[in-house]
Amino acid sequence: MAPDWRRFVASWLLSLCFIIYGCGYPEVSSTTYELSQALYSACNRRSDEQLLKVFEVMNSKRAAGEISDREFEWLRAIIEQARAGEWGDAQAEVRNLMNDQVKH
């Protein structure tokens, strides 16, 4: 099989996996899930003060090794969305993160 053909097949299989399994968030720690709940509440209330509190807790949990850098970055991106005034989009994104934790 030629290299271009292999790349095509690999891309096709990867696309098929995304279609079948979706491309949501992978499993997160229980601490990240709890932070997600707090972030959802902050977005729902449109509270900059609550966003700051969630961010401070996120920093301490990451420093303590209770959440991964990847989880921290997901939550940070959602906070930035909310801080930019995109409260509804941020709330929807954190809801997606939480929904992706439900085992089917």
PDB file of N, CA and C in Angstrom:
ATOM      1  N   MET A   1       0.846  -1.178   0.000  1.00  0.00           N
ATOM      2  CA  MET A   1       0.000   0.000   0.000  1.00  0.00           C
ATOM      3  C   MET A   1       0.892   1.242   0.000  1.00  0.00           C
ATOM      4  N   ALA A   2       0.612   2.169  -0.862  1.00  0.00           N
ATOM      5  CA  ALA A   2       1.392   3.407  -0.958  1.00  0.00           C
ATOM      6  C   ALA A   2       1.144   4.278   0.265  1.00  0.00           C
ATOM      7  N   PRO A   3       2.132   5.095   0.655  1.00  0.00           N
ATOM      8  CA  PRO A   3       1.972   5.961   1.831  1.00  0.00           C
ATOM      9  C   PRO A   3       0.743   6.864   1.767  1.00  0.00           C
ATOM     10  N   ASP A   4       0.437   7.429   0.591  1.00  0.00           N
ATOM     11  CA  ASP A   4      -0.745   8.291   0.477  1.00  0.00           C
ATOM     12  C   ASP A   4      -2.023   7.506   0.747  1.00  0.00           C
ATOM     13  N   TRP A   5      -2.067   6.289   0.266  1.00  0.00           N
ATOM     14  CA  TRP A   5      -3.230   5.430   0.478  1.00  0.00           C
ATOM     15  C   TRP A   5      -3.392   5.115   1.970  1.00  0.00           C
ATOM     16  N   ARG A   6      -2.279   4.845   2.641  1.00  0.00           N
ATOM     17  CA  ARG A   6      -2.323   4.562   4.086  1.00  0.00           C
ATOM     18  C   ARG A   6      -2.858   5.763   4.854  1.00  0.00           C
ATOM     19  N   ARG A   7      -2.394   6.937   4.476  1.00  0.00           N
ATOM     20  CA  ARG A   7      -2.869   8.152   5.130  1.00  0.00           C
ATOM     21  C   ARG A   7      -4.367   8.341   4.925  1.00  0.00           C
ATOM     22  N   PHE A   8      -4.812   8.068   3.713  1.00  0.00           N
ATOM     23  CA  PHE A   8      -6.243   8.184   3.411  1.00  0.00           C
ATOM     24  C   PHE A   8      -7.053   7.213   4.265  1.00  0.00           C
ATOM     25  N   VAL A   9      -6.608   5.962   4.339  1.00  0.00           N
ATOM     26  CA  VAL A   9      -7.324   4.951   5.125  1.00  0.00           C
ATOM     27  C   VAL A   9      -7.303   5.327   6.603  1.00  0.00           C
ATOM     28  N   ALA A  10      -6.158   5.779   7.105  1.00  0.00           N
ATOM     29  CA  ALA A  10      -6.062   6.173   8.514  1.00  0.00           C
ATOM     30  C   ALA A  10      -6.989   7.345   8.810  1.00  0.00           C
ATOM     31  N   SER A  11      -7.025   8.325   7.924  1.00  0.00           N
ATOM     32  CA  SER A  11      -7.919   9.476   8.117  1.00  0.00           C
ATOM     33  C   SER A  11      -9.378   9.052   8.095  1.00  0.00           C
ATOM     34  N   TRP A  12      -9.699   8.162   7.184  1.00  0.00           N
ATOM     35  CA  TRP A  12     -11.071   7.679   7.065  1.00  0.00           C
ATOM     36  C   TRP A  12     -11.491   6.925   8.326  1.00  0.00           C
ATOM     37  N   LEU A  13     -10.602   6.055   8.833  1.00  0.00           N
ATOM     38  CA  LEU A  13     -10.918   5.304  10.052  1.00  0.00           C
ATOM     39  C   LEU A  13     -11.065   6.230  11.257  1.00  0.00           C
ATOM     40  N   LEU A  14     -10.203   7.225  11.357  1.00  0.00           N
ATOM     41  CA  LEU A  14     -10.300   8.179  12.452  1.00  0.00           C
ATOM     42  C   LEU A  14     -11.608   8.955  12.375  1.00  0.00           C
ATOM     43  N   SER A  15     -11.983   9.372  11.188  1.00  0.00           N
ATOM     44  CA  SER A  15     -13.261  10.076  11.006  1.00  0.00           C
ATOM     45  C   SER A  15     -14.432   9.192  11.393  1.00  0.00           C
ATOM     46  N   LEU A  16     -14.363   7.932  11.018  1.00  0.00           N
ATOM     47  CA  LEU A  16     -15.421   6.989  11.361  1.00  0.00           C
ATOM     48  C   LEU A  16     -15.539   6.830  12.878  1.00  0.00           C
ATOM     49  N   CYS A  17     -14.405   6.769  13.562  1.00  0.00           N
ATOM     50  CA  CYS A  17     -14.429   6.661  15.032  1.00  0.00           C
ATOM     51  C   CYS A  17     -15.095   7.877  15.661  1.00  0.00           C
ATOM     52  N   PHE A  18     -14.790   9.077  15.149  1.00  0.00           N
ATOM     53  CA  PHE A  18     -15.421  10.285  15.685  1.00  0.00           C
ATOM     54  C   PHE A  18     -16.923  10.274  15.447  1.00  0.00           C
ATOM     55  N   ILE A  19     -17.327   9.772  14.287  1.00  0.00           N
ATOM     56  CA  ILE A  19     -18.758   9.700  13.986  1.00  0.00           C
ATOM     57  C   ILE A  19     -19.453   8.723  14.923  1.00  0.00           C
ATOM     58  N   ILE A  20     -18.842   7.569  15.128  1.00  0.00           N
ATOM     59  CA  ILE A  20     -19.458   6.531  15.959  1.00  0.00           C
ATOM     60  C   ILE A  20     -19.447   6.918  17.432  1.00  0.00           C
ATOM     61  N   TYR A  21     -18.295   7.366  17.921  1.00  0.00           N
ATOM     62  CA  TYR A  21     -18.141   7.619  19.351  1.00  0.00           C
ATOM     63  C   TYR A  21     -18.326   9.072  19.747  1.00  0.00           C
ATOM     64  N   GLY A  22     -18.421   9.957  18.790  1.00  0.00           N
ATOM     65  CA  GLY A  22     -18.550  11.372  19.112  1.00  0.00           C
ATOM     66  C   GLY A  22     -17.199  11.964  19.465  1.00  0.00           C
ATOM     67  N   CYS A  23     -17.155  13.259  19.603  1.00  0.00           N
ATOM     68  CA  CYS A  23     -15.876  13.892  19.934  1.00  0.00           C
ATOM     69  C   CYS A  23     -16.074  14.824  21.119  1.00  0.00           C
ATOM     70  N   GLY A  24     -16.649  14.280  22.165  1.00  0.00           N
ATOM     71  CA  GLY A  24     -16.857  15.040  23.380  1.00  0.00           C
ATOM     72  C   GLY A  24     -15.643  14.966  24.284  1.00  0.00           C
ATOM     73  N   TYR A  25     -15.873  15.319  25.521  1.00  0.00           N
ATOM     74  CA  TYR A  25     -14.810  15.297  26.514  1.00  0.00           C
ATOM     75  C   TYR A  25     -14.599  13.877  27.029  1.00  0.00           C
ATOM     76  N   PRO A  26     -13.353  13.495  27.262  1.00  0.00           N
ATOM     77  CA  PRO A  26     -13.104  12.201  27.898  1.00  0.00           C
ATOM     78  C   PRO A  26     -13.433  12.277  29.391  1.00  0.00           C
ATOM     79  N   GLU A  27     -13.300  11.169  30.065  1.00  0.00           N
ATOM     80  CA  GLU A  27     -13.598  11.115  31.497  1.00  0.00           C
ATOM     81  C   GLU A  27     -12.692  12.080  32.261  1.00  0.00           C
ATOM     82  N   VAL A  28     -13.282  12.774  33.229  1.00  0.00           N
ATOM     83  CA  VAL A  28     -12.527  13.712  34.062  1.00  0.00           C
ATOM     84  C   VAL A  28     -12.565  13.238  35.512  1.00  0.00           C
ATOM     85  N   SER A  29     -11.702  13.812  36.325  1.00  0.00           N
ATOM     86  CA  SER A  29     -11.662  13.466  37.749  1.00  0.00           C
ATOM     87  C   SER A  29     -12.924  13.967  38.449  1.00  0.00           C
ATOM     88  N   SER A  30     -13.202  13.386  39.599  1.00  0.00           N
ATOM     89  CA  SER A  30     -14.371  13.833  40.368  1.00  0.00           C
ATOM     90  C   SER A  30     -14.206  15.294  40.795  1.00  0.00           C
ATOM     91  N   THR A  31     -12.981  15.708  41.056  1.00  0.00           N
ATOM     92  CA  THR A  31     -12.725  17.104  41.421  1.00  0.00           C
ATOM     93  C   THR A  31     -13.057  18.035  40.257  1.00  0.00           C
ATOM     94  N   THR A  32     -12.669  17.643  39.058  1.00  0.00           N
ATOM     95  CA  THR A  32     -12.983  18.453  37.879  1.00  0.00           C
ATOM     96  C   THR A  32     -14.482  18.507  37.654  1.00  0.00           C
ATOM     97  N   TYR A  33     -15.159  17.400  37.896  1.00  0.00           N
ATOM     98  CA  TYR A  33     -16.614  17.394  37.739  1.00  0.00           C
ATOM     99  C   TYR A  33     -17.255  18.369  38.730  1.00  0.00           C
ATOM    100  N   GLU A  34     -16.776  18.364  39.976  1.00  0.00           N
ATOM    101  CA  GLU A  34     -17.300  19.300  40.985  1.00  0.00           C
ATOM    102  C   GLU A  34     -17.025  20.751  40.584  1.00  0.00           C
ATOM    103  N   LEU A  35     -15.842  21.009  40.055  1.00  0.00           N
ATOM    104  CA  LEU A  35     -15.521  22.355  39.579  1.00  0.00           C
ATOM    105  C   LEU A  35     -16.420  22.739  38.410  1.00  0.00           C
ATOM    106  N   SER A  36     -16.743  21.769  37.569  1.00  0.00           N
ATOM    107  CA  SER A  36     -17.650  22.015  36.442  1.00  0.00           C
ATOM    108  C   SER A  36     -19.026  22.436  36.934  1.00  0.00           C
ATOM    109  N   GLN A  37     -19.486  21.790  37.994  1.00  0.00           N
ATOM    110  CA  GLN A  37     -20.785  22.154  38.564  1.00  0.00           C
ATOM    111  C   GLN A  37     -20.762  23.589  39.082  1.00  0.00           C
ATOM    112  N   ALA A  38     -19.680  23.952  39.760  1.00  0.00           N
ATOM    113  CA  ALA A  38     -19.551  25.321  40.269  1.00  0.00           C
ATOM    114  C   ALA A  38     -19.460  26.319  39.116  1.00  0.00           C
ATOM    115  N   LEU A  39     -18.759  25.942  38.065  1.00  0.00           N
ATOM    116  CA  LEU A  39     -18.634  26.808  36.894  1.00  0.00           C
ATOM    117  C   LEU A  39     -19.978  26.961  36.182  1.00  0.00           C
ATOM    118  N   TYR A  40     -20.734  25.892  36.112  1.00  0.00           N
ATOM    119  CA  TYR A  40     -22.072  25.957  35.511  1.00  0.00           C
ATOM    120  C   TYR A  40     -22.939  26.950  36.286  1.00  0.00           C
ATOM    121  N   SER A  41     -22.873  26.869  37.609  1.00  0.00           N
ATOM    122  CA  SER A  41     -23.638  27.778  38.458  1.00  0.00           C
ATOM    123  C   SER A  41     -23.208  29.229  38.234  1.00  0.00           C
ATOM    124  N   ALA A  42     -21.901  29.457  38.140  1.00  0.00           N
ATOM    125  CA  ALA A  42     -21.393  30.816  37.905  1.00  0.00           C
ATOM    126  C   ALA A  42     -21.890  31.364  36.573  1.00  0.00           C
ATOM    127  N   CYS A  43     -21.894  30.513  35.555  1.00  0.00           N
ATOM    128  CA  CYS A  43     -22.381  30.944  34.232  1.00  0.00           C
ATOM    129  C   CYS A  43     -23.878  31.204  34.270  1.00  0.00           C
ATOM    130  N   ASN A  44     -24.598  30.353  34.958  1.00  0.00           N
ATOM    131  CA  ASN A  44     -26.046  30.516  35.069  1.00  0.00           C
ATOM    132  C   ASN A  44     -26.398  31.834  35.751  1.00  0.00           C
ATOM    133  N   ARG A  45     -25.620  32.199  36.756  1.00  0.00           N
ATOM    134  CA  ARG A  45     -25.856  33.442  37.503  1.00  0.00           C
ATOM    135  C   ARG A  45     -25.174  34.650  36.859  1.00  0.00           C
ATOM    136  N   ARG A  46     -24.342  34.374  35.856  1.00  0.00           N
ATOM    137  CA  ARG A  46     -23.560  35.427  35.196  1.00  0.00           C
ATOM    138  C   ARG A  46     -22.758  36.221  36.229  1.00  0.00           C
ATOM    139  N   SER A  47     -22.074  35.456  37.082  1.00  0.00           N
ATOM    140  CA  SER A  47     -21.362  36.044  38.208  1.00  0.00           C
ATOM    141  C   SER A  47     -19.851  36.045  37.985  1.00  0.00           C
ATOM    142  N   ASP A  48     -19.301  37.237  37.751  1.00  0.00           N
ATOM    143  CA  ASP A  48     -17.849  37.365  37.621  1.00  0.00           C
ATOM    144  C   ASP A  48     -17.156  36.980  38.925  1.00  0.00           C
ATOM    145  N   GLU A  49     -17.780  37.326  40.039  1.00  0.00           N
ATOM    146  CA  GLU A  49     -17.211  37.001  41.347  1.00  0.00           C
ATOM    147  C   GLU A  49     -17.105  35.483  41.529  1.00  0.00           C
ATOM    148  N   GLN A  50     -18.145  34.769  41.158  1.00  0.00           N
ATOM    149  CA  GLN A  50     -18.131  33.314  41.292  1.00  0.00           C
ATOM    150  C   GLN A  50     -17.125  32.688  40.315  1.00  0.00           C
ATOM    151  N   LEU A  51     -16.988  33.276  39.122  1.00  0.00           N
ATOM    152  CA  LEU A  51     -15.978  32.791  38.173  1.00  0.00           C
ATOM    153  C   LEU A  51     -14.587  32.884  38.785  1.00  0.00           C
ATOM    154  N   LEU A  52     -14.305  34.002  39.436  1.00  0.00           N
ATOM    155  CA  LEU A  52     -13.003  34.197  40.064  1.00  0.00           C
ATOM    156  C   LEU A  52     -12.765  33.154  41.150  1.00  0.00           C
ATOM    157  N   LYS A  53     -13.788  32.880  41.956  1.00  0.00           N
ATOM    158  CA  LYS A  53     -13.651  31.873  43.010  1.00  0.00           C
ATOM    159  C   LYS A  53     -13.369  30.495  42.422  1.00  0.00           C
ATOM    160  N   VAL A  54     -14.089  30.142  41.358  1.00  0.00           N
ATOM    161  CA  VAL A  54     -13.863  28.844  40.704  1.00  0.00           C
ATOM    162  C   VAL A  54     -12.435  28.783  40.173  1.00  0.00           C
ATOM    163  N   PHE A  55     -11.979  29.868  39.555  1.00  0.00           N
ATOM    164  CA  PHE A  55     -10.628  29.900  39.003  1.00  0.00           C
ATOM    165  C   PHE A  55      -9.575  29.736  40.101  1.00  0.00           C
ATOM    166  N   GLU A  56      -9.781  30.383  41.235  1.00  0.00           N
ATOM    167  CA  GLU A  56      -8.838  30.264  42.350  1.00  0.00           C
ATOM    168  C   GLU A  56      -8.781  28.833  42.869  1.00  0.00           C
ATOM    169  N   VAL A  57      -9.934  28.196  42.992  1.00  0.00           N
ATOM    170  CA  VAL A  57      -9.970  26.800  43.449  1.00  0.00           C
ATOM    171  C   VAL A  57      -9.305  25.896  42.411  1.00  0.00           C
ATOM    172  N   MET A  58      -9.561  26.167  41.132  1.00  0.00           N
ATOM    173  CA  MET A  58      -8.921  25.390  40.063  1.00  0.00           C
ATOM    174  C   MET A  58      -7.404  25.448  40.182  1.00  0.00           C
ATOM    175  N   ASN A  59      -6.874  26.647  40.407  1.00  0.00           N
ATOM    176  CA  ASN A  59      -5.423  26.802  40.540  1.00  0.00           C
ATOM    177  C   ASN A  59      -4.877  25.988  41.700  1.00  0.00           C
ATOM    178  N   SER A  60      -5.549  26.034  42.835  1.00  0.00           N
ATOM    179  CA  SER A  60      -5.057  25.287  43.995  1.00  0.00           C
ATOM    180  C   SER A  60      -5.179  23.781  43.777  1.00  0.00           C
ATOM    181  N   LYS A  61      -6.241  23.347  43.117  1.00  0.00           N
ATOM    182  CA  LYS A  61      -6.424  21.914  42.852  1.00  0.00           C
ATOM    183  C   LYS A  61      -5.394  21.410  41.845  1.00  0.00           C
ATOM    184  N   ARG A  62      -5.063  22.242  40.868  1.00  0.00           N
ATOM    185  CA  ARG A  62      -4.027  21.842  39.906  1.00  0.00           C
ATOM    186  C   ARG A  62      -2.672  21.772  40.600  1.00  0.00           C
ATOM    187  N   ALA A  63      -2.367  22.755  41.438  1.00  0.00           N
ATOM    188  CA  ALA A  63      -1.091  22.763  42.166  1.00  0.00           C
ATOM    189  C   ALA A  63      -0.966  21.544  43.074  1.00  0.00           C
ATOM    190  N   ALA A  64      -2.102  21.091  43.613  1.00  0.00           N
ATOM    191  CA  ALA A  64      -2.101  19.923  44.500  1.00  0.00           C
ATOM    192  C   ALA A  64      -2.149  18.607  43.720  1.00  0.00           C
ATOM    193  N   GLY A  65      -2.238  18.693  42.403  1.00  0.00           N
ATOM    194  CA  GLY A  65      -2.284  17.489  41.580  1.00  0.00           C
ATOM    195  C   GLY A  65      -3.640  16.804  41.547  1.00  0.00           C
ATOM    196  N   GLU A  66      -4.682  17.524  41.965  1.00  0.00           N
ATOM    197  CA  GLU A  66      -6.023  16.934  42.005  1.00  0.00           C
ATOM    198  C   GLU A  66      -6.748  17.018  40.668  1.00  0.00           C
ATOM    199  N   ILE A  67      -6.301  17.933  39.800  1.00  0.00           N
ATOM    200  CA  ILE A  67      -6.820  17.977  38.433  1.00  0.00           C
ATOM    201  C   ILE A  67      -5.627  18.071  37.491  1.00  0.00           C
ATOM    202  N   SER A  68      -5.780  17.521  36.314  1.00  0.00           N
ATOM    203  CA  SER A  68      -4.687  17.527  35.339  1.00  0.00           C
ATOM    204  C   SER A  68      -4.594  18.891  34.655  1.00  0.00           C
ATOM    205  N   ASP A  69      -3.460  19.120  34.016  1.00  0.00           N
ATOM    206  CA  ASP A  69      -3.297  20.357  33.241  1.00  0.00           C
ATOM    207  C   ASP A  69      -4.336  20.431  32.130  1.00  0.00           C
ATOM    208  N   ARG A  70      -4.628  19.300  31.519  1.00  0.00           N
ATOM    209  CA  ARG A  70      -5.609  19.263  30.428  1.00  0.00           C
ATOM    210  C   ARG A  70      -6.991  19.659  30.939  1.00  0.00           C
ATOM    211  N   GLU A  71      -7.392  19.100  32.085  1.00  0.00           N
ATOM    212  CA  GLU A  71      -8.690  19.454  32.675  1.00  0.00           C
ATOM    213  C   GLU A  71      -8.723  20.935  33.045  1.00  0.00           C
ATOM    214  N   PHE A  72      -7.626  21.412  33.616  1.00  0.00           N
ATOM    215  CA  PHE A  72      -7.527  22.826  33.977  1.00  0.00           C
ATOM    216  C   PHE A  72      -7.738  23.697  32.746  1.00  0.00           C
ATOM    217  N   GLU A  73      -7.102  23.353  31.635  1.00  0.00           N
ATOM    218  CA  GLU A  73      -7.204  24.161  30.415  1.00  0.00           C
ATOM    219  C   GLU A  73      -8.618  24.149  29.845  1.00  0.00           C
ATOM    220  N   TRP A  74      -9.303  23.010  29.918  1.00  0.00           N
ATOM    221  CA  TRP A  74     -10.695  22.969  29.453  1.00  0.00           C
ATOM    222  C   TRP A  74     -11.549  23.954  30.245  1.00  0.00           C
ATOM    223  N   LEU A  75     -11.416  23.891  31.577  1.00  0.00           N
ATOM    224  CA  LEU A  75     -12.215  24.775  32.431  1.00  0.00           C
ATOM    225  C   LEU A  75     -11.813  26.236  32.245  1.00  0.00           C
ATOM    226  N   ARG A  76     -10.515  26.482  32.112  1.00  0.00           N
ATOM    227  CA  ARG A  76     -10.037  27.854  31.915  1.00  0.00           C
ATOM    228  C   ARG A  76     -10.608  28.448  30.625  1.00  0.00           C
ATOM    229  N   ALA A  77     -10.657  27.644  29.574  1.00  0.00           N
ATOM    230  CA  ALA A  77     -11.202  28.124  28.299  1.00  0.00           C
ATOM    231  C   ALA A  77     -12.677  28.495  28.443  1.00  0.00           C
ATOM    232  N   ILE A  78     -13.405  27.723  29.227  1.00  0.00           N
ATOM    233  CA  ILE A  78     -14.823  28.024  29.454  1.00  0.00           C
ATOM    234  C   ILE A  78     -14.960  29.312  30.260  1.00  0.00           C
ATOM    235  N   ILE A  79     -14.101  29.487  31.252  1.00  0.00           N
ATOM    236  CA  ILE A  79     -14.122  30.720  32.044  1.00  0.00           C
ATOM    237  C   ILE A  79     -13.829  31.925  31.150  1.00  0.00           C
ATOM    238  N   GLU A  80     -12.856  31.799  30.264  1.00  0.00           N
ATOM    239  CA  GLU A  80     -12.530  32.902  29.351  1.00  0.00           C
ATOM    240  C   GLU A  80     -13.715  33.240  28.453  1.00  0.00           C
ATOM    241  N   GLN A  81     -14.432  32.219  28.023  1.00  0.00           N
ATOM    242  CA  GLN A  81     -15.628  32.442  27.205  1.00  0.00           C
ATOM    243  C   GLN A  81     -16.650  33.267  27.990  1.00  0.00           C
ATOM    244  N   ALA A  82     -16.861  32.886  29.242  1.00  0.00           N
ATOM    245  CA  ALA A  82     -17.815  33.614  30.089  1.00  0.00           C
ATOM    246  C   ALA A  82     -17.340  35.046  30.332  1.00  0.00           C
ATOM    247  N   ARG A  83     -16.050  35.214  30.609  1.00  0.00           N
ATOM    248  CA  ARG A  83     -15.513  36.552  30.862  1.00  0.00           C
ATOM    249  C   ARG A  83     -15.624  37.453  29.642  1.00  0.00           C
ATOM    250  N   ALA A  84     -15.685  36.840  28.461  1.00  0.00           N
ATOM    251  CA  ALA A  84     -15.849  37.607  27.223  1.00  0.00           C
ATOM    252  C   ALA A  84     -17.312  37.958  26.975  1.00  0.00           C
ATOM    253  N   GLY A  85     -18.177  37.597  27.930  1.00  0.00           N
ATOM    254  CA  GLY A  85     -19.594  37.923  27.799  1.00  0.00           C
ATOM    255  C   GLY A  85     -20.416  36.858  27.111  1.00  0.00           C
ATOM    256  N   GLU A  86     -19.794  35.748  26.760  1.00  0.00           N
ATOM    257  CA  GLU A  86     -20.493  34.651  26.091  1.00  0.00           C
ATOM    258  C   GLU A  86     -21.006  33.657  27.137  1.00  0.00           C
ATOM    259  N   TRP A  87     -21.835  34.160  28.046  1.00  0.00           N
ATOM    260  CA  TRP A  87     -22.308  33.358  29.176  1.00  0.00           C
ATOM    261  C   TRP A  87     -23.070  32.110  28.730  1.00  0.00           C
ATOM    262  N   GLY A  88     -23.969  32.276  27.784  1.00  0.00           N
ATOM    263  CA  GLY A  88     -24.772  31.145  27.319  1.00  0.00           C
ATOM    264  C   GLY A  88     -23.929  30.066  26.668  1.00  0.00           C
ATOM    265  N   ASP A  89     -22.968  30.473  25.843  1.00  0.00           N
ATOM    266  CA  ASP A  89     -22.078  29.508  25.194  1.00  0.00           C
ATOM    267  C   ASP A  89     -21.201  28.804  26.222  1.00  0.00           C
ATOM    268  N   ALA A  90     -20.709  29.554  27.194  1.00  0.00           N
ATOM    269  CA  ALA A  90     -19.884  28.961  28.246  1.00  0.00           C
ATOM    270  C   ALA A  90     -20.698  27.964  29.066  1.00  0.00           C
ATOM    271  N   GLN A  91     -21.921  28.339  29.382  1.00  0.00           N
ATOM    272  CA  GLN A  91     -22.789  27.446  30.148  1.00  0.00           C
ATOM    273  C   GLN A  91     -23.068  26.170  29.351  1.00  0.00           C
ATOM    274  N   ALA A  92     -23.312  26.299  28.065  1.00  0.00           N
ATOM    275  CA  ALA A  92     -23.563  25.131  27.213  1.00  0.00           C
ATOM    276  C   ALA A  92     -22.326  24.237  27.141  1.00  0.00           C
ATOM    277  N   GLU A  93     -21.152  24.839  27.066  1.00  0.00           N
ATOM    278  CA  GLU A  93     -19.919  24.059  26.967  1.00  0.00           C
ATOM    279  C   GLU A  93     -19.637  23.285  28.251  1.00  0.00           C
ATOM    280  N   VAL A  94     -19.837  23.924  29.395  1.00  0.00           N
ATOM    281  CA  VAL A  94     -19.603  23.211  30.652  1.00  0.00           C
ATOM    282  C   VAL A  94     -20.669  22.127  30.846  1.00  0.00           C
ATOM    283  N   ARG A  95     -21.868  22.363  30.341  1.00  0.00           N
ATOM    284  CA  ARG A  95     -22.918  21.338  30.378  1.00  0.00           C
ATOM    285  C   ARG A  95     -22.501  20.142  29.511  1.00  0.00           C
ATOM    286  N   ASN A  96     -21.902  20.413  28.353  1.00  0.00           N
ATOM    287  CA  ASN A  96     -21.399  19.329  27.499  1.00  0.00           C
ATOM    288  C   ASN A  96     -20.354  18.501  28.230  1.00  0.00           C
ATOM    289  N   LEU A  97     -19.448  19.191  28.923  1.00  0.00           N
ATOM    290  CA  LEU A  97     -18.417  18.485  29.678  1.00  0.00           C
ATOM    291  C   LEU A  97     -19.061  17.559  30.710  1.00  0.00           C
ATOM    292  N   MET A  98     -20.047  18.066  31.428  1.00  0.00           N
ATOM    293  CA  MET A  98     -20.709  17.247  32.456  1.00  0.00           C
ATOM    294  C   MET A  98     -21.507  16.111  31.825  1.00  0.00           C
ATOM    295  N   ASN A  99     -22.216  16.394  30.737  1.00  0.00           N
ATOM    296  CA  ASN A  99     -23.008  15.353  30.075  1.00  0.00           C
ATOM    297  C   ASN A  99     -22.132  14.239  29.524  1.00  0.00           C
ATOM    298  N   ASP A 100     -20.929  14.581  29.079  1.00  0.00           N
ATOM    299  CA  ASP A 100     -20.022  13.573  28.533  1.00  0.00           C
ATOM    300  C   ASP A 100     -19.484  12.631  29.605  1.00  0.00           C
ATOM    301  N   GLN A 101     -19.749  12.935  30.856  1.00  0.00           N
ATOM    302  CA  GLN A 101     -19.311  12.050  31.940  1.00  0.00           C
ATOM    303  C   GLN A 101     -20.336  10.960  32.248  1.00  0.00           C
ATOM    304  N   VAL A 102     -21.530  11.100  31.705  1.00  0.00           N
ATOM    305  CA  VAL A 102     -22.594  10.124  31.947  1.00  0.00           C
ATOM    306  C   VAL A 102     -22.277   8.863  31.161  1.00  0.00           C
ATOM    307  N   LYS A 103     -22.273   7.732  31.854  1.00  0.00           N
ATOM    308  CA  LYS A 103     -22.017   6.441  31.215  1.00  0.00           C
ATOM    309  C   LYS A 103     -23.307   5.930  30.603  1.00  0.00           C
ATOM    310  N   HIS A 104     -23.255   5.565  29.330  1.00  0.00           N
ATOM    311  CA  HIS A 104     -24.449   5.046  28.643  1.00  0.00           C
ATOM    312  C   HIS A 104     -24.452   3.544  28.650  1.00  0.00           C
TER     313      HIS A 104
END
